[in-house]
């Protein structure tokens, strides 16, 4: 018998589980904080969450999306779209070479905007 199977009696649940599941597993029932006031979202599904890849990248619904997140960030910079918190976090973890490329693209865009404004 495997060593991880030998200690089944000492396993301790460290999270709340569904009431029916807790009865089947014979674990203590979930005790919820009475002061917690949960309100369901107004919209169901993904309509109530932030979209990581915007719709304009999905040209055809039947097409498999083959694009790198890094390329989306470059495209957003080129189109002067503000970067979201996920993109900023992604950039913070990039190597210096890729960060420098993004700065170069950003700088080119700023130069173009300034030329257009002062022309």
PDB file of N, CA and C in Angstrom:
ATOM      1  N   UNK A   1       0.833  -1.181   0.000  1.00  0.00           N
ATOM      2  CA  UNK A   1       0.000   0.000   0.000  1.00  0.00           C
ATOM      3  C   UNK A   1       0.881   1.250   0.000  1.00  0.00           C
ATOM      4  N   UNK A   2       0.478   2.290  -0.765  1.00  0.00           N
ATOM      5  CA  UNK A   2       1.249   3.527  -0.821  1.00  0.00           C
ATOM      6  C   UNK A   2       1.230   4.233   0.521  1.00  0.00           C
ATOM      7  N   UNK A   3       2.293   4.973   0.771  1.00  0.00           N
ATOM      8  CA  UNK A   3       2.378   5.670   2.057  1.00  0.00           C
ATOM      9  C   UNK A   3       1.312   6.761   2.179  1.00  0.00           C
ATOM     10  N   UNK A   4       0.903   7.366   1.066  1.00  0.00           N
ATOM     11  CA  UNK A   4      -0.104   8.424   1.164  1.00  0.00           C
ATOM     12  C   UNK A   4      -1.496   7.851   1.435  1.00  0.00           C
ATOM     13  N   UNK A   5      -1.696   6.542   1.233  1.00  0.00           N
ATOM     14  CA  UNK A   5      -2.974   5.914   1.530  1.00  0.00           C
ATOM     15  C   UNK A   5      -3.042   5.423   2.972  1.00  0.00           C
ATOM     16  N   UNK A   6      -1.920   5.249   3.615  1.00  0.00           N
ATOM     17  CA  UNK A   6      -1.885   4.706   4.968  1.00  0.00           C
ATOM     18  C   UNK A   6      -2.452   5.666   6.005  1.00  0.00           C
ATOM     19  N   UNK A   7      -2.370   6.960   5.761  1.00  0.00           N
ATOM     20  CA  UNK A   7      -2.772   7.941   6.757  1.00  0.00           C
ATOM     21  C   UNK A   7      -4.138   8.546   6.469  1.00  0.00           C
ATOM     22  N   UNK A   8      -5.046   7.807   5.864  1.00  0.00           N
ATOM     23  CA  UNK A   8      -6.366   8.335   5.549  1.00  0.00           C
ATOM     24  C   UNK A   8      -7.117   8.803   6.791  1.00  0.00           C
ATOM     25  N   UNK A   9      -6.907   8.142   7.934  1.00  0.00           N
ATOM     26  CA  UNK A   9      -7.614   8.508   9.157  1.00  0.00           C
ATOM     27  C   UNK A   9      -7.165   9.866   9.688  1.00  0.00           C
ATOM     28  N   UNK A  10      -5.973  10.281   9.344  1.00  0.00           N
ATOM     29  CA  UNK A  10      -5.475  11.547   9.872  1.00  0.00           C
ATOM     30  C   UNK A  10      -5.732  12.728   8.929  1.00  0.00           C
ATOM     31  N   UNK A  11      -6.401  12.469   7.793  1.00  0.00           N
ATOM     32  CA  UNK A  11      -6.674  13.555   6.840  1.00  0.00           C
ATOM     33  C   UNK A  11      -7.671  14.523   7.443  1.00  0.00           C
ATOM     34  N   UNK A  12      -7.395  15.797   7.303  1.00  0.00           N
ATOM     35  CA  UNK A  12      -8.270  16.818   7.865  1.00  0.00           C
ATOM     36  C   UNK A  12      -8.727  17.750   6.752  1.00  0.00           C
ATOM     37  N   UNK A  13     -10.034  17.995   6.662  1.00  0.00           N
ATOM     38  CA  UNK A  13     -10.553  18.937   5.687  1.00  0.00           C
ATOM     39  C   UNK A  13     -10.209  20.342   6.147  1.00  0.00           C
ATOM     40  N   UNK A  14      -9.706  21.136   5.219  1.00  0.00           N
ATOM     41  CA  UNK A  14      -9.316  22.493   5.591  1.00  0.00           C
ATOM     42  C   UNK A  14     -10.137  23.533   4.846  1.00  0.00           C
ATOM     43  N   UNK A  15     -11.248  23.112   4.281  1.00  0.00           N
ATOM     44  CA  UNK A  15     -12.109  24.053   3.557  1.00  0.00           C
ATOM     45  C   UNK A  15     -13.564  23.670   3.784  1.00  0.00           C
ATOM     46  N   UNK A  16     -14.441  24.604   3.561  1.00  0.00           N
ATOM     47  CA  UNK A  16     -15.864  24.301   3.659  1.00  0.00           C
ATOM     48  C   UNK A  16     -16.295  23.544   2.416  1.00  0.00           C
ATOM     49  N   UNK A  17     -17.201  22.594   2.600  1.00  0.00           N
ATOM     50  CA  UNK A  17     -17.713  21.827   1.476  1.00  0.00           C
ATOM     51  C   UNK A  17     -19.230  21.907   1.460  1.00  0.00           C
ATOM     52  N   UNK A  18     -19.798  21.548   0.355  1.00  0.00           N
ATOM     53  CA  UNK A  18     -21.229  21.502   0.174  1.00  0.00           C
ATOM     54  C   UNK A  18     -21.867  20.656   1.279  1.00  0.00           C
ATOM     55  N   UNK A  19     -23.054  21.072   1.761  1.00  0.00           N
ATOM     56  CA  UNK A  19     -23.706  20.376   2.879  1.00  0.00           C
ATOM     57  C   UNK A  19     -23.963  18.901   2.550  1.00  0.00           C
ATOM     58  N   UNK A  20     -24.480  18.622   1.354  1.00  0.00           N
ATOM     59  CA  UNK A  20     -24.743  17.222   0.971  1.00  0.00           C
ATOM     60  C   UNK A  20     -23.456  16.417   0.917  1.00  0.00           C
ATOM     61  N   UNK A  21     -22.418  17.018   0.380  1.00  0.00           N
ATOM     62  CA  UNK A  21     -21.130  16.348   0.296  1.00  0.00           C
ATOM     63  C   UNK A  21     -20.545  16.113   1.686  1.00  0.00           C
ATOM     64  N   UNK A  22     -20.719  17.078   2.586  1.00  0.00           N
ATOM     65  CA  UNK A  22     -20.193  16.890   3.932  1.00  0.00           C
ATOM     66  C   UNK A  22     -20.911  15.758   4.661  1.00  0.00           C
ATOM     67  N   UNK A  23     -22.198  15.549   4.370  1.00  0.00           N
ATOM     68  CA  UNK A  23     -22.925  14.431   4.975  1.00  0.00           C
ATOM     69  C   UNK A  23     -22.420  13.099   4.431  1.00  0.00           C
ATOM     70  N   UNK A  24     -22.184  13.039   3.117  1.00  0.00           N
ATOM     71  CA  UNK A  24     -21.675  11.806   2.502  1.00  0.00           C
ATOM     72  C   UNK A  24     -20.297  11.462   3.061  1.00  0.00           C
ATOM     73  N   UNK A  25     -19.442  12.484   3.194  1.00  0.00           N
ATOM     74  CA  UNK A  25     -18.081  12.276   3.680  1.00  0.00           C
ATOM     75  C   UNK A  25     -17.995  12.219   5.194  1.00  0.00           C
ATOM     76  N   UNK A  26     -19.144  12.437   5.848  1.00  0.00           N
ATOM     77  CA  UNK A  26     -19.224  12.436   7.306  1.00  0.00           C
ATOM     78  C   UNK A  26     -18.238  13.420   7.932  1.00  0.00           C
ATOM     79  N   UNK A  27     -18.252  14.620   7.397  1.00  0.00           N
ATOM     80  CA  UNK A  27     -17.425  15.701   7.940  1.00  0.00           C
ATOM     81  C   UNK A  27     -18.332  16.696   8.638  1.00  0.00           C
ATOM     82  N   UNK A  28     -17.772  17.541   9.485  1.00  0.00           N
ATOM     83  CA  UNK A  28     -18.613  18.541  10.144  1.00  0.00           C
ATOM     84  C   UNK A  28     -19.291  19.443   9.114  1.00  0.00           C
ATOM     85  N   UNK A  29     -20.529  19.833   9.347  1.00  0.00           N
ATOM     86  CA  UNK A  29     -21.228  20.694   8.391  1.00  0.00           C
ATOM     87  C   UNK A  29     -20.584  22.082   8.312  1.00  0.00           C
ATOM     88  N   UNK A  30     -20.838  22.741   7.229  1.00  0.00           N
ATOM     89  CA  UNK A  30     -20.301  24.091   7.038  1.00  0.00           C
ATOM     90  C   UNK A  30     -21.052  25.061   7.930  1.00  0.00           C
ATOM     91  N   UNK A  31     -20.324  25.923   8.584  1.00  0.00           N
ATOM     92  CA  UNK A  31     -20.939  26.966   9.398  1.00  0.00           C
ATOM     93  C   UNK A  31     -20.555  28.289   8.753  1.00  0.00           C
ATOM     94  N   UNK A  32     -21.548  28.970   8.230  1.00  0.00           N
ATOM     95  CA  UNK A  32     -21.286  30.214   7.521  1.00  0.00           C
ATOM     96  C   UNK A  32     -21.389  31.393   8.472  1.00  0.00           C
ATOM     97  N   UNK A  33     -20.613  32.389   8.211  1.00  0.00           N
ATOM     98  CA  UNK A  33     -20.647  33.612   8.991  1.00  0.00           C
ATOM     99  C   UNK A  33     -21.963  34.318   8.710  1.00  0.00           C
ATOM    100  N   UNK A  34     -22.764  34.521   9.726  1.00  0.00           N
ATOM    101  CA  UNK A  34     -24.078  35.129   9.559  1.00  0.00           C
ATOM    102  C   UNK A  34     -23.997  36.569   9.050  1.00  0.00           C
ATOM    103  N   UNK A  35     -22.879  37.256   9.309  1.00  0.00           N
ATOM    104  CA  UNK A  35     -22.767  38.652   8.884  1.00  0.00           C
ATOM    105  C   UNK A  35     -22.417  38.781   7.405  1.00  0.00           C
ATOM    106  N   UNK A  36     -22.074  37.660   6.764  1.00  0.00           N
ATOM    107  CA  UNK A  36     -21.722  37.690   5.351  1.00  0.00           C
ATOM    108  C   UNK A  36     -22.986  37.857   4.528  1.00  0.00           C
ATOM    109  N   UNK A  37     -23.049  38.918   3.743  1.00  0.00           N
ATOM    110  CA  UNK A  37     -24.235  39.224   2.956  1.00  0.00           C
ATOM    111  C   UNK A  37     -23.888  39.109   1.479  1.00  0.00           C
ATOM    112  N   UNK A  38     -24.010  37.919   0.919  1.00  0.00           N
ATOM    113  CA  UNK A  38     -23.666  37.677  -0.479  1.00  0.00           C
ATOM    114  C   UNK A  38     -24.836  38.032  -1.367  1.00  0.00           C
ATOM    115  N   UNK A  39     -24.551  38.763  -2.421  1.00  0.00           N
ATOM    116  CA  UNK A  39     -25.570  39.117  -3.403  1.00  0.00           C
ATOM    117  C   UNK A  39     -25.111  38.547  -4.737  1.00  0.00           C
ATOM    118  N   UNK A  40     -25.968  37.804  -5.428  1.00  0.00           N
ATOM    119  CA  UNK A  40     -25.556  37.228  -6.709  1.00  0.00           C
ATOM    120  C   UNK A  40     -25.310  38.321  -7.747  1.00  0.00           C
ATOM    121  N   UNK A  41     -24.464  38.041  -8.739  1.00  0.00           N
ATOM    122  CA  UNK A  41     -24.212  39.041  -9.775  1.00  0.00           C
ATOM    123  C   UNK A  41     -25.481  39.337 -10.566  1.00  0.00           C
ATOM    124  N   UNK A  42     -25.552  40.525 -11.149  1.00  0.00           N
ATOM    125  CA  UNK A  42     -26.728  40.920 -11.922  1.00  0.00           C
ATOM    126  C   UNK A  42     -26.803  40.169 -13.242  1.00  0.00           C
ATOM    127  N   UNK A  43     -25.649  39.794 -13.778  1.00  0.00           N
ATOM    128  CA  UNK A  43     -25.612  39.030 -15.026  1.00  0.00           C
ATOM    129  C   UNK A  43     -24.976  37.683 -14.760  1.00  0.00           C
ATOM    130  N   UNK A  44     -25.414  36.669 -15.492  1.00  0.00           N
ATOM    131  CA  UNK A  44     -24.854  35.332 -15.316  1.00  0.00           C
ATOM    132  C   UNK A  44     -23.663  35.122 -16.258  1.00  0.00           C
ATOM    133  N   UNK A  45     -22.930  34.077 -16.003  1.00  0.00           N
ATOM    134  CA  UNK A  45     -21.833  33.693 -16.892  1.00  0.00           C
ATOM    135  C   UNK A  45     -20.685  34.676 -16.904  1.00  0.00           C
ATOM    136  N   UNK A  46     -20.035  34.780 -18.048  1.00  0.00           N
ATOM    137  CA  UNK A  46     -18.849  35.620 -18.164  1.00  0.00           C
ATOM    138  C   UNK A  46     -19.184  37.087 -18.402  1.00  0.00           C
ATOM    139  N   UNK A  47     -20.466  37.423 -18.519  1.00  0.00           N
ATOM    140  CA  UNK A  47     -20.836  38.818 -18.722  1.00  0.00           C
ATOM    141  C   UNK A  47     -20.523  39.687 -17.509  1.00  0.00           C
ATOM    142  N   UNK A  48     -20.327  39.074 -16.354  1.00  0.00           N
ATOM    143  CA  UNK A  48     -20.072  39.846 -15.141  1.00  0.00           C
ATOM    144  C   UNK A  48     -18.601  39.847 -14.749  1.00  0.00           C
ATOM    145  N   UNK A  49     -17.728  39.406 -15.656  1.00  0.00           N
ATOM    146  CA  UNK A  49     -16.314  39.381 -15.332  1.00  0.00           C
ATOM    147  C   UNK A  49     -15.509  40.134 -16.389  1.00  0.00           C
ATOM    148  N   UNK A  50     -14.280  40.461 -16.032  1.00  0.00           N
ATOM    149  CA  UNK A  50     -13.399  41.209 -16.910  1.00  0.00           C
ATOM    150  C   UNK A  50     -12.942  40.322 -18.073  1.00  0.00           C
ATOM    151  N   UNK A  51     -12.984  40.853 -19.266  1.00  0.00           N
ATOM    152  CA  UNK A  51     -12.570  40.112 -20.458  1.00  0.00           C
ATOM    153  C   UNK A  51     -11.061  40.270 -20.649  1.00  0.00           C
ATOM    154  N   UNK A  52     -10.331  39.165 -20.647  1.00  0.00           N
ATOM    155  CA  UNK A  52      -8.885  39.220 -20.807  1.00  0.00           C
ATOM    156  C   UNK A  52      -8.507  39.442 -22.268  1.00  0.00           C
ATOM    157  N   UNK A  53      -9.186  38.753 -23.176  1.00  0.00           N
ATOM    158  CA  UNK A  53      -8.931  38.936 -24.607  1.00  0.00           C
ATOM    159  C   UNK A  53     -10.178  39.585 -25.205  1.00  0.00           C
ATOM    160  N   UNK A  54     -10.098  40.859 -25.577  1.00  0.00           N
ATOM    161  CA  UNK A  54     -11.271  41.582 -26.095  1.00  0.00           C
ATOM    162  C   UNK A  54     -11.845  40.936 -27.360  1.00  0.00           C
ATOM    163  N   UNK A  55     -13.116  41.215 -27.605  1.00  0.00           N
ATOM    164  CA  UNK A  55     -13.842  40.617 -28.724  1.00  0.00           C
ATOM    165  C   UNK A  55     -13.212  40.941 -30.082  1.00  0.00           C
ATOM    166  N   UNK A  56     -12.614  42.106 -30.234  1.00  0.00           N
ATOM    167  CA  UNK A  56     -12.094  42.474 -31.551  1.00  0.00           C
ATOM    168  C   UNK A  56     -10.922  41.595 -31.983  1.00  0.00           C
ATOM    169  N   UNK A  57     -10.380  40.775 -31.100  1.00  0.00           N
ATOM    170  CA  UNK A  57      -9.340  39.825 -31.502  1.00  0.00           C
ATOM    171  C   UNK A  57      -9.932  38.530 -32.053  1.00  0.00           C
ATOM    172  N   UNK A  58     -11.209  38.352 -31.860  1.00  0.00           N
ATOM    173  CA  UNK A  58     -11.873  37.134 -32.314  1.00  0.00           C
ATOM    174  C   UNK A  58     -12.656  37.457 -33.585  1.00  0.00           C
ATOM    175  N   UNK A  59     -11.994  37.372 -34.724  1.00  0.00           N
ATOM    176  CA  UNK A  59     -12.628  37.784 -35.975  1.00  0.00           C
ATOM    177  C   UNK A  59     -13.760  36.842 -36.396  1.00  0.00           C
ATOM    178  N   UNK A  60     -13.577  35.553 -36.231  1.00  0.00           N
ATOM    179  CA  UNK A  60     -14.608  34.575 -36.574  1.00  0.00           C
ATOM    180  C   UNK A  60     -14.828  33.654 -35.375  1.00  0.00           C
ATOM    181  N   UNK A  61     -16.096  33.432 -34.998  1.00  0.00           N
ATOM    182  CA  UNK A  61     -16.374  32.582 -33.832  1.00  0.00           C
ATOM    183  C   UNK A  61     -15.862  31.148 -33.975  1.00  0.00           C
ATOM    184  N   UNK A  62     -15.814  30.624 -35.203  1.00  0.00           N
ATOM    185  CA  UNK A  62     -15.388  29.247 -35.402  1.00  0.00           C
ATOM    186  C   UNK A  62     -13.872  29.112 -35.513  1.00  0.00           C
ATOM    187  N   UNK A  63     -13.168  30.227 -35.501  1.00  0.00           N
ATOM    188  CA  UNK A  63     -11.712  30.225 -35.650  1.00  0.00           C
ATOM    189  C   UNK A  63     -11.034  30.056 -34.286  1.00  0.00           C
ATOM    190  N   UNK A  64     -10.045  29.207 -34.229  1.00  0.00           N
ATOM    191  CA  UNK A  64      -9.285  29.037 -32.990  1.00  0.00           C
ATOM    192  C   UNK A  64      -8.346  30.229 -32.850  1.00  0.00           C
ATOM    193  N   UNK A  65      -8.389  30.855 -31.712  1.00  0.00           N
ATOM    194  CA  UNK A  65      -7.568  32.033 -31.462  1.00  0.00           C
ATOM    195  C   UNK A  65      -6.128  31.616 -31.241  1.00  0.00           C
ATOM    196  N   UNK A  66      -5.240  32.103 -32.097  1.00  0.00           N
ATOM    197  CA  UNK A  66      -3.825  31.778 -31.983  1.00  0.00           C
ATOM    198  C   UNK A  66      -3.051  33.085 -31.893  1.00  0.00           C
ATOM    199  N   UNK A  67      -3.066  33.662 -30.714  1.00  0.00           N
ATOM    200  CA  UNK A  67      -2.388  34.931 -30.510  1.00  0.00           C
ATOM    201  C   UNK A  67      -1.779  34.926 -29.117  1.00  0.00           C
ATOM    202  N   UNK A  68      -0.608  35.486 -29.010  1.00  0.00           N
ATOM    203  CA  UNK A  68       0.082  35.554 -27.721  1.00  0.00           C
ATOM    204  C   UNK A  68      -0.390  36.787 -26.946  1.00  0.00           C
ATOM    205  N   UNK A  69      -0.454  36.662 -25.636  1.00  0.00           N
ATOM    206  CA  UNK A  69      -0.863  37.786 -24.795  1.00  0.00           C
ATOM    207  C   UNK A  69       0.095  38.960 -24.973  1.00  0.00           C
ATOM    208  N   UNK A  70       1.344  38.661 -25.163  1.00  0.00           N
ATOM    209  CA  UNK A  70       2.349  39.701 -25.407  1.00  0.00           C
ATOM    210  C   UNK A  70       2.006  40.494 -26.662  1.00  0.00           C
ATOM    211  N   UNK A  71       1.530  39.804 -27.707  1.00  0.00           N
ATOM    212  CA  UNK A  71       1.135  40.486 -28.948  1.00  0.00           C
ATOM    213  C   UNK A  71      -0.093  41.365 -28.735  1.00  0.00           C
ATOM    214  N   UNK A  72      -0.993  40.932 -27.882  1.00  0.00           N
ATOM    215  CA  UNK A  72      -2.166  41.751 -27.557  1.00  0.00           C
ATOM    216  C   UNK A  72      -1.716  43.036 -26.874  1.00  0.00           C
ATOM    217  N   UNK A  73      -0.762  42.930 -25.967  1.00  0.00           N
ATOM    218  CA  UNK A  73      -0.242  44.110 -25.267  1.00  0.00           C
ATOM    219  C   UNK A  73       0.412  45.061 -26.263  1.00  0.00           C
ATOM    220  N   UNK A  74       1.205  44.529 -27.171  1.00  0.00           N
ATOM    221  CA  UNK A  74       1.839  45.380 -28.191  1.00  0.00           C
ATOM    222  C   UNK A  74       0.771  46.081 -29.031  1.00  0.00           C
ATOM    223  N   UNK A  75      -0.257  45.345 -29.408  1.00  0.00           N
ATOM    224  CA  UNK A  75      -1.336  45.924 -30.202  1.00  0.00           C
ATOM    225  C   UNK A  75      -2.075  47.005 -29.422  1.00  0.00           C
ATOM    226  N   UNK A  76      -2.325  46.772 -28.147  1.00  0.00           N
ATOM    227  CA  UNK A  76      -2.997  47.781 -27.329  1.00  0.00           C
ATOM    228  C   UNK A  76      -2.158  49.050 -27.217  1.00  0.00           C
ATOM    229  N   UNK A  77      -0.868  48.911 -27.076  1.00  0.00           N
ATOM    230  CA  UNK A  77       0.007  50.086 -27.012  1.00  0.00           C
ATOM    231  C   UNK A  77      -0.036  50.837 -28.339  1.00  0.00           C
ATOM    232  N   UNK A  78       0.056  50.107 -29.449  1.00  0.00           N
ATOM    233  CA  UNK A  78       0.027  50.734 -30.776  1.00  0.00           C
ATOM    234  C   UNK A  78      -1.283  51.461 -31.040  1.00  0.00           C
ATOM    235  N   UNK A  79      -2.367  50.975 -30.461  1.00  0.00           N
ATOM    236  CA  UNK A  79      -3.680  51.591 -30.645  1.00  0.00           C
ATOM    237  C   UNK A  79      -4.057  52.527 -29.505  1.00  0.00           C
ATOM    238  N   UNK A  80      -3.063  52.864 -28.676  1.00  0.00           N
ATOM    239  CA  UNK A  80      -3.222  53.819 -27.568  1.00  0.00           C
ATOM    240  C   UNK A  80      -4.337  53.423 -26.600  1.00  0.00           C
ATOM    241  N   UNK A  81      -4.495  52.125 -26.398  1.00  0.00           N
ATOM    242  CA  UNK A  81      -5.455  51.641 -25.415  1.00  0.00           C
ATOM    243  C   UNK A  81      -4.759  51.532 -24.067  1.00  0.00           C
ATOM    244  N   UNK A  82      -5.412  51.970 -23.005  1.00  0.00           N
ATOM    245  CA  UNK A  82      -4.802  51.814 -21.675  1.00  0.00           C
ATOM    246  C   UNK A  82      -4.632  50.336 -21.337  1.00  0.00           C
ATOM    247  N   UNK A  83      -3.540  50.002 -20.717  1.00  0.00           N
ATOM    248  CA  UNK A  83      -3.302  48.622 -20.306  1.00  0.00           C
ATOM    249  C   UNK A  83      -4.023  48.359 -18.991  1.00  0.00           C
ATOM    250  N   UNK A  84      -4.563  47.159 -18.864  1.00  0.00           N
ATOM    251  CA  UNK A  84      -5.270  46.827 -17.627  1.00  0.00           C
ATOM    252  C   UNK A  84      -4.298  46.237 -16.608  1.00  0.00           C
ATOM    253  N   UNK A  85      -4.803  45.954 -15.425  1.00  0.00           N
ATOM    254  CA  UNK A  85      -3.943  45.475 -14.340  1.00  0.00           C
ATOM    255  C   UNK A  85      -3.305  44.127 -14.657  1.00  0.00           C
ATOM    256  N   UNK A  86      -3.998  43.271 -15.417  1.00  0.00           N
ATOM    257  CA  UNK A  86      -3.435  41.969 -15.768  1.00  0.00           C
ATOM    258  C   UNK A  86      -2.275  42.133 -16.754  1.00  0.00           C
ATOM    259  N   UNK A  87      -2.434  43.053 -17.684  1.00  0.00           N
ATOM    260  CA  UNK A  87      -1.360  43.315 -18.630  1.00  0.00           C
ATOM    261  C   UNK A  87      -0.149  43.908 -17.921  1.00  0.00           C
ATOM    262  N   UNK A  88      -0.392  44.810 -17.004  1.00  0.00           N
ATOM    263  CA  UNK A  88       0.724  45.423 -16.265  1.00  0.00           C
ATOM    264  C   UNK A  88       1.455  44.369 -15.429  1.00  0.00           C
ATOM    265  N   UNK A  89       0.713  43.474 -14.820  1.00  0.00           N
ATOM    266  CA  UNK A  89       1.338  42.405 -14.037  1.00  0.00           C
ATOM    267  C   UNK A  89       2.137  41.477 -14.951  1.00  0.00           C
ATOM    268  N   UNK A  90       1.578  41.180 -16.115  1.00  0.00           N
ATOM    269  CA  UNK A  90       2.269  40.330 -17.087  1.00  0.00           C
ATOM    270  C   UNK A  90       3.582  40.984 -17.521  1.00  0.00           C
ATOM    271  N   UNK A  91       3.540  42.271 -17.796  1.00  0.00           N
ATOM    272  CA  UNK A  91       4.738  43.011 -18.217  1.00  0.00           C
ATOM    273  C   UNK A  91       5.797  42.995 -17.127  1.00  0.00           C
ATOM    274  N   UNK A  92       5.376  43.127 -15.888  1.00  0.00           N
ATOM    275  CA  UNK A  92       6.342  43.165 -14.783  1.00  0.00           C
ATOM    276  C   UNK A  92       7.154  41.876 -14.686  1.00  0.00           C
ATOM    277  N   UNK A  93       6.626  40.787 -15.232  1.00  0.00           N
ATOM    278  CA  UNK A  93       7.318  39.499 -15.162  1.00  0.00           C
ATOM    279  C   UNK A  93       8.102  39.177 -16.429  1.00  0.00           C
ATOM    280  N   UNK A  94       8.069  40.077 -17.403  1.00  0.00           N
ATOM    281  CA  UNK A  94       8.794  39.842 -18.656  1.00  0.00           C
ATOM    282  C   UNK A  94      10.286  40.059 -18.482  1.00  0.00           C
ATOM    283  N   UNK A  95      11.053  39.471 -19.387  1.00  0.00           N
ATOM    284  CA  UNK A  95      12.492  39.728 -19.367  1.00  0.00           C
ATOM    285  C   UNK A  95      12.761  41.130 -19.927  1.00  0.00           C
ATOM    286  N   UNK A  96      13.957  41.645 -19.681  1.00  0.00           N
ATOM    287  CA  UNK A  96      14.295  43.019 -20.057  1.00  0.00           C
ATOM    288  C   UNK A  96      14.180  43.272 -21.555  1.00  0.00           C
ATOM    289  N   UNK A  97      14.511  42.299 -22.353  1.00  0.00           N
ATOM    290  CA  UNK A  97      14.457  42.472 -23.810  1.00  0.00           C
ATOM    291  C   UNK A  97      13.030  42.763 -24.282  1.00  0.00           C
ATOM    292  N   UNK A  98      12.064  42.012 -23.740  1.00  0.00           N
ATOM    293  CA  UNK A  98      10.663  42.234 -24.131  1.00  0.00           C
ATOM    294  C   UNK A  98      10.133  43.545 -23.561  1.00  0.00           C
ATOM    295  N   UNK A  99      10.529  43.887 -22.350  1.00  0.00           N
ATOM    296  CA  UNK A  99      10.128  45.174 -21.779  1.00  0.00           C
ATOM    297  C   UNK A  99      10.669  46.318 -22.626  1.00  0.00           C
ATOM    298  N   UNK A 100      11.918  46.186 -23.064  1.00  0.00           N
ATOM    299  CA  UNK A 100      12.515  47.225 -23.912  1.00  0.00           C
ATOM    300  C   UNK A 100      11.773  47.354 -25.238  1.00  0.00           C
ATOM    301  N   UNK A 101      11.348  46.239 -25.795  1.00  0.00           N
ATOM    302  CA  UNK A 101      10.577  46.292 -27.035  1.00  0.00           C
ATOM    303  C   UNK A 101       9.271  47.050 -26.830  1.00  0.00           C
ATOM    304  N   UNK A 102       8.588  46.782 -25.714  1.00  0.00           N
ATOM    305  CA  UNK A 102       7.346  47.492 -25.414  1.00  0.00           C
ATOM    306  C   UNK A 102       7.592  48.990 -25.236  1.00  0.00           C
ATOM    307  N   UNK A 103       8.690  49.347 -24.581  1.00  0.00           N
ATOM    308  CA  UNK A 103       9.020  50.766 -24.412  1.00  0.00           C
ATOM    309  C   UNK A 103       9.325  51.432 -25.752  1.00  0.00           C
ATOM    310  N   UNK A 104       9.990  50.723 -26.628  1.00  0.00           N
ATOM    311  CA  UNK A 104      10.293  51.246 -27.953  1.00  0.00           C
ATOM    312  C   UNK A 104       8.995  51.507 -28.731  1.00  0.00           C
ATOM    313  N   UNK A 105       8.074  50.552 -28.694  1.00  0.00           N
ATOM    314  CA  UNK A 105       6.776  50.724 -29.368  1.00  0.00           C
ATOM    315  C   UNK A 105       6.018  51.891 -28.760  1.00  0.00           C
ATOM    316  N   UNK A 106       5.991  51.955 -27.441  1.00  0.00           N
ATOM    317  CA  UNK A 106       5.306  53.049 -26.749  1.00  0.00           C
ATOM    318  C   UNK A 106       5.899  54.396 -27.147  1.00  0.00           C
ATOM    319  N   UNK A 107       7.214  54.479 -27.184  1.00  0.00           N
ATOM    320  CA  UNK A 107       7.889  55.722 -27.533  1.00  0.00           C
ATOM    321  C   UNK A 107       7.553  56.155 -28.965  1.00  0.00           C
ATOM    322  N   UNK A 108       7.522  55.204 -29.895  1.00  0.00           N
ATOM    323  CA  UNK A 108       7.156  55.514 -31.276  1.00  0.00           C
ATOM    324  C   UNK A 108       5.734  56.069 -31.348  1.00  0.00           C
ATOM    325  N   UNK A 109       4.843  55.486 -30.585  1.00  0.00           N
ATOM    326  CA  UNK A 109       3.448  55.944 -30.571  1.00  0.00           C
ATOM    327  C   UNK A 109       3.337  57.359 -30.008  1.00  0.00           C
ATOM    328  N   UNK A 110       4.059  57.623 -28.932  1.00  0.00           N
ATOM    329  CA  UNK A 110       4.032  58.958 -28.331  1.00  0.00           C
ATOM    330  C   UNK A 110       4.584  59.994 -29.302  1.00  0.00           C
ATOM    331  N   UNK A 111       5.666  59.653 -29.987  1.00  0.00           N
ATOM    332  CA  UNK A 111       6.229  60.566 -30.994  1.00  0.00           C
ATOM    333  C   UNK A 111       5.210  60.882 -32.074  1.00  0.00           C
ATOM    334  N   UNK A 112       4.518  59.856 -32.548  1.00  0.00           N
ATOM    335  CA  UNK A 112       3.515  60.054 -33.587  1.00  0.00           C
ATOM    336  C   UNK A 112       2.378  60.937 -33.098  1.00  0.00           C
ATOM    337  N   UNK A 113       1.901  60.689 -31.895  1.00  0.00           N
ATOM    338  CA  UNK A 113       0.822  61.512 -31.325  1.00  0.00           C
ATOM    339  C   UNK A 113       1.280  62.958 -31.215  1.00  0.00           C
ATOM    340  N   UNK A 114       2.508  63.176 -30.763  1.00  0.00           N
ATOM    341  CA  UNK A 114       3.022  64.546 -30.636  1.00  0.00           C
ATOM    342  C   UNK A 114       3.155  65.219 -31.994  1.00  0.00           C
ATOM    343  N   UNK A 115       3.597  64.478 -33.005  1.00  0.00           N
ATOM    344  CA  UNK A 115       3.689  65.043 -34.350  1.00  0.00           C
ATOM    345  C   UNK A 115       2.316  65.435 -34.878  1.00  0.00           C
ATOM    346  N   UNK A 116       1.328  64.596 -34.642  1.00  0.00           N
ATOM    347  CA  UNK A 116      -0.022  64.888 -35.107  1.00  0.00           C
ATOM    348  C   UNK A 116      -0.609  66.093 -34.386  1.00  0.00           C
ATOM    349  N   UNK A 117      -0.333  66.218 -33.107  1.00  0.00           N
ATOM    350  CA  UNK A 117      -0.868  67.332 -32.328  1.00  0.00           C
ATOM    351  C   UNK A 117      -0.219  68.662 -32.677  1.00  0.00           C
ATOM    352  N   UNK A 118       1.038  68.629 -33.068  1.00  0.00           N
ATOM    353  CA  UNK A 118       1.757  69.871 -33.339  1.00  0.00           C
ATOM    354  C   UNK A 118       1.832  70.197 -34.812  1.00  0.00           C
ATOM    355  N   UNK A 119       1.222  69.394 -35.657  1.00  0.00           N
ATOM    356  CA  UNK A 119       1.274  69.654 -37.104  1.00  0.00           C
ATOM    357  C   UNK A 119       0.148  70.559 -37.535  1.00  0.00           C
TER     358      UNK A 119
END
